[in-house]
């Protein structure tokens, strides 16, 4: 009578991954002297002890080294190669959930700021006009402090304003002005526009059109 041969199926990546995850989550009970993480040698020995399939089959699964095999499981295994000997740890899902929650909160905060910004700029709002004016003056003052230049091109002004205000464009139309130059002209007590550049007036008398503005810069 012929004896049936028992042929075991080859290991799969997912099945080995699940085993490693289980070992890392339960190794404290089986190895009381190890309280945090397993060295690669300990992991291999524990794998062989728990499963009768032989050594950890990373080569059969197409990996040259155990380190590369474990590094491919970033959602489950965290490798610390700064330790000697190197150790592997179970990546706790709660940490991932915390990171995701933090990203959601950051996104919601950014969205909330955008909504607050939009609410400020209702047509005819004097508060909104003052906010925009102070923003523009602040940008020109920063340019003066960083670059010793109290002027910006209109393109630079729009770009820097957007960066400072949650990617919102400079809202001259919402404030009732047909062009950006018209808005800046209304601020002529602090800002002068000449040849598509806007200048911060730092002298109480202010520069005259066509005049060299360098003497009006603050030291």
Protein backbone atom coordinates (compact mmCIF):
# COMPACT_ATOMS: atom_id res chain seq x y z
CA UNK A 1 0.00 0.00 0.00
CA UNK A 2 1.46 3.31 -1.07
CA UNK A 3 2.11 5.88 1.60
CA UNK A 4 0.83 9.38 0.82
CA UNK A 5 3.54 11.98 0.86
CA UNK A 6 2.90 15.13 2.86
CA UNK A 7 4.24 18.06 0.85
CA UNK A 8 4.23 21.35 2.71
CA UNK A 9 3.43 24.44 0.70
CA UNK A 10 6.18 27.05 0.37
CA UNK A 11 5.98 30.02 2.74
CA UNK A 12 4.41 33.23 1.54
CA UNK A 13 5.56 36.74 2.34
CA UNK A 14 2.32 37.59 4.17
CA UNK A 15 2.35 34.43 6.28
CA UNK A 16 5.94 35.01 7.41
CA UNK A 17 5.17 38.66 8.07
CA UNK A 18 2.22 37.68 10.28
CA UNK A 19 4.44 35.27 12.20
CA UNK A 20 7.08 37.92 12.80
CA UNK A 21 4.42 40.36 13.94
CA UNK A 22 3.10 37.77 16.37
CA UNK A 23 6.58 36.99 17.71
CA UNK A 24 7.38 40.65 18.31
CA UNK A 25 4.04 41.23 20.04
CA UNK A 26 4.46 38.26 22.40
CA UNK A 27 8.21 37.88 22.87
CA UNK A 28 8.19 39.37 26.39
CA UNK A 29 6.33 36.33 27.69
CA UNK A 30 8.59 33.83 25.95
CA UNK A 31 11.86 35.66 26.60
CA UNK A 32 11.57 37.21 30.07
CA UNK A 33 15.08 38.64 29.94
CA UNK A 34 14.29 40.66 26.82
CA UNK A 35 12.09 43.62 27.65
CA UNK A 36 12.27 45.71 24.51
CA UNK A 37 12.84 44.51 20.96
CA UNK A 38 14.68 41.47 19.63
CA UNK A 39 18.09 41.21 18.07
CA UNK A 40 18.11 39.58 14.64
CA UNK A 41 19.66 36.45 16.13
CA UNK A 42 16.96 36.27 18.82
CA UNK A 43 14.25 36.72 16.21
CA UNK A 44 15.63 33.87 14.07
CA UNK A 45 15.93 31.54 17.07
CA UNK A 46 12.43 32.38 18.26
CA UNK A 47 11.04 31.80 14.76
CA UNK A 48 12.67 28.36 14.58
CA UNK A 49 11.50 27.50 18.10
CA UNK A 50 7.88 28.41 17.48
CA UNK A 51 7.49 27.08 13.95
CA UNK A 52 8.70 23.74 12.67
CA UNK A 53 9.35 25.04 9.17
CA UNK A 54 13.04 25.64 9.77
CA UNK A 55 14.92 28.90 9.64
CA UNK A 56 13.32 32.21 8.77
CA UNK A 57 12.94 31.94 4.96
CA UNK A 58 13.89 35.44 3.83
CA UNK A 59 16.12 34.11 1.02
CA UNK A 60 13.31 31.95 -0.36
CA UNK A 61 11.20 35.10 -0.53
CA UNK A 62 13.78 36.92 -2.65
CA UNK A 63 15.75 38.94 -0.07
CA UNK A 64 19.53 38.82 0.20
CA UNK A 65 19.63 39.70 3.89
CA UNK A 66 17.33 39.50 6.88
CA UNK A 67 17.74 43.24 7.42
CA UNK A 68 16.36 44.03 3.96
CA UNK A 69 13.52 41.59 4.51
CA UNK A 70 12.50 43.20 7.79
CA UNK A 71 12.94 46.70 6.35
CA UNK A 72 10.29 45.86 3.75
CA UNK A 73 7.72 45.53 6.58
CA UNK A 74 7.76 49.17 7.67
CA UNK A 75 4.10 49.02 8.70
CA UNK A 76 4.86 46.23 11.20
CA UNK A 77 8.57 46.26 12.01
CA UNK A 78 10.79 49.13 13.10
CA UNK A 79 14.51 48.53 12.69
CA UNK A 80 17.09 50.29 14.84
CA UNK A 81 20.47 49.88 13.17
CA UNK A 82 22.15 52.33 15.56
CA UNK A 83 22.12 49.70 18.30
CA UNK A 84 24.64 46.90 18.54
CA UNK A 85 23.57 44.31 17.97
CA UNK A 86 20.81 45.74 15.79
CA UNK A 87 17.27 45.22 17.07
CA UNK A 88 13.82 45.05 15.56
CA UNK A 89 10.68 46.32 17.27
CA UNK A 90 6.97 45.99 16.72
CA UNK A 91 5.63 49.20 15.24
CA UNK A 92 2.70 50.13 17.44
CA UNK A 93 -0.38 51.07 15.43
CA UNK A 94 -1.49 53.60 18.00
CA UNK A 95 1.53 55.70 17.05
CA UNK A 96 0.48 55.61 13.41
CA UNK A 97 -3.05 56.55 14.37
CA UNK A 98 -1.73 59.44 16.43
CA UNK A 99 0.32 60.67 13.47
CA UNK A 100 -2.70 60.45 11.18
CA UNK A 101 -4.84 62.26 13.74
CA UNK A 102 -2.23 65.02 14.01
CA UNK A 103 -2.26 65.44 10.21
CA UNK A 104 -6.06 65.68 10.23
CA UNK A 105 -5.96 68.30 13.00
CA UNK A 106 -3.31 70.29 11.10
CA UNK A 107 -5.44 70.15 7.94
CA UNK A 108 -8.56 71.23 9.82
CA UNK A 109 -6.65 74.09 11.47
CA UNK A 110 -5.37 75.26 8.09
CA UNK A 111 -8.90 75.08 6.64
CA UNK A 112 -10.27 76.98 9.63
CA UNK A 113 -7.70 79.73 9.13
CA UNK A 114 -8.73 80.00 5.49
CA UNK A 115 -12.38 80.36 6.47
CA UNK A 116 -11.52 82.99 9.09
CA UNK A 117 -9.50 84.82 6.47
CA UNK A 118 -12.39 84.77 3.99
CA UNK A 119 -14.84 86.04 6.61
CA UNK A 120 -12.64 89.07 7.19
CA UNK A 121 -12.97 90.23 3.60
CA UNK A 122 -16.60 91.08 3.19
CA UNK A 123 -17.19 93.94 0.78
CA UNK A 124 -16.83 97.34 2.40
CA UNK A 125 -15.22 96.07 5.59
CA UNK A 126 -12.90 98.73 7.04
CA UNK A 127 -11.40 96.08 9.33
CA UNK A 128 -10.42 94.00 6.29
CA UNK A 129 -8.81 97.00 4.61
CA UNK A 130 -6.73 97.71 7.71
CA UNK A 131 -5.66 94.06 7.93
CA UNK A 132 -4.51 94.05 4.30
CA UNK A 133 -2.73 97.38 4.67
CA UNK A 134 -0.87 96.24 7.78
CA UNK A 135 0.08 93.00 6.02
CA UNK A 136 1.56 94.87 3.07
CA UNK A 137 3.46 97.29 5.30
CA UNK A 138 4.79 94.35 7.32
CA UNK A 139 6.06 92.64 4.15
CA UNK A 140 7.83 95.80 3.02
CA UNK A 141 9.35 96.26 6.48
CA UNK A 142 10.60 92.67 6.42
CA UNK A 143 12.15 93.27 3.00
CA UNK A 144 13.90 96.33 4.42
CA UNK A 145 15.24 94.40 7.42
CA UNK A 146 16.36 91.33 5.46
CA UNK A 147 17.55 92.87 2.21
CA UNK A 148 18.04 96.55 3.10
CA UNK A 149 15.48 97.27 0.40
CA UNK A 150 12.12 98.79 1.28
CA UNK A 151 10.49 97.89 -2.03
CA UNK A 152 8.97 94.89 -3.77
CA UNK A 153 7.74 94.33 -7.29
CA UNK A 154 3.98 93.86 -7.48
CA UNK A 155 4.56 90.20 -8.36
CA UNK A 156 6.81 89.72 -5.33
CA UNK A 157 4.26 91.45 -3.12
CA UNK A 158 1.43 89.18 -4.31
CA UNK A 159 3.56 86.06 -3.87
CA UNK A 160 4.74 86.96 -0.38
CA UNK A 161 1.25 88.02 0.70
CA UNK A 162 -0.15 84.66 -0.42
CA UNK A 163 2.58 82.76 1.46
CA UNK A 164 1.84 84.70 4.62
CA UNK A 165 -1.95 84.30 4.43
CA UNK A 166 -2.73 80.60 3.93
CA UNK A 167 -2.23 80.75 0.13
CA UNK A 168 -4.96 83.37 -0.25
CA UNK A 169 -4.46 85.99 -2.99
CA UNK A 170 -4.18 89.67 -2.21
CA UNK A 171 -7.89 90.66 -2.10
CA UNK A 172 -7.93 94.07 -3.78
CA UNK A 173 -11.11 93.26 -5.74
CA UNK A 174 -12.96 92.18 -2.59
CA UNK A 175 -12.08 95.56 -1.12
CA UNK A 176 -13.63 97.37 -4.07
CA UNK A 177 -10.54 98.19 -6.15
CA UNK A 178 -10.23 97.29 -9.83
CA UNK A 179 -6.44 96.88 -9.72
CA UNK A 180 -3.74 96.27 -7.15
CA UNK A 181 -2.20 99.63 -8.03
CA UNK A 182 -5.49 101.35 -7.10
CA UNK A 183 -5.45 99.65 -3.70
CA UNK A 184 -1.83 100.65 -3.08
CA UNK A 185 -2.56 104.21 -4.22
CA UNK A 186 -5.15 104.45 -1.44
CA UNK A 187 -2.31 103.75 1.02
CA UNK A 188 -0.14 106.58 -0.30
CA UNK A 189 0.55 107.89 3.20
CA UNK A 190 2.71 104.77 3.75
CA UNK A 191 3.26 103.23 0.31
CA UNK A 192 4.30 104.61 -3.07
CA UNK A 193 4.03 102.80 -6.41
CA UNK A 194 6.44 103.57 -9.23
CA UNK A 195 7.26 101.50 -12.33
CA UNK A 196 5.38 98.46 -10.96
CA UNK A 197 7.30 98.49 -7.69
CA UNK A 198 5.86 99.47 -4.35
CA UNK A 199 8.00 101.36 -1.85
CA UNK A 200 7.61 101.71 1.88
CA UNK A 201 7.64 105.36 2.90
CA UNK A 202 9.88 105.52 5.95
CA UNK A 203 10.21 109.31 6.13
CA UNK A 204 7.29 111.35 7.42
CA UNK A 205 7.43 113.53 4.29
CA UNK A 206 7.84 110.50 2.01
CA UNK A 207 9.75 110.23 -1.27
CA UNK A 208 8.54 112.09 -4.28
CA UNK A 209 7.82 110.32 -7.53
CA UNK A 210 11.03 109.74 -9.50
CA UNK A 211 13.20 110.58 -6.50
CA UNK A 212 15.93 108.23 -5.27
CA UNK A 213 14.34 106.41 -2.33
CA UNK A 214 17.56 105.17 -0.72
CA UNK A 215 17.78 108.19 1.58
CA UNK A 216 14.40 107.35 3.05
CA UNK A 217 15.45 103.91 4.24
CA UNK A 218 15.64 103.27 7.93
CA UNK A 219 19.06 102.43 9.33
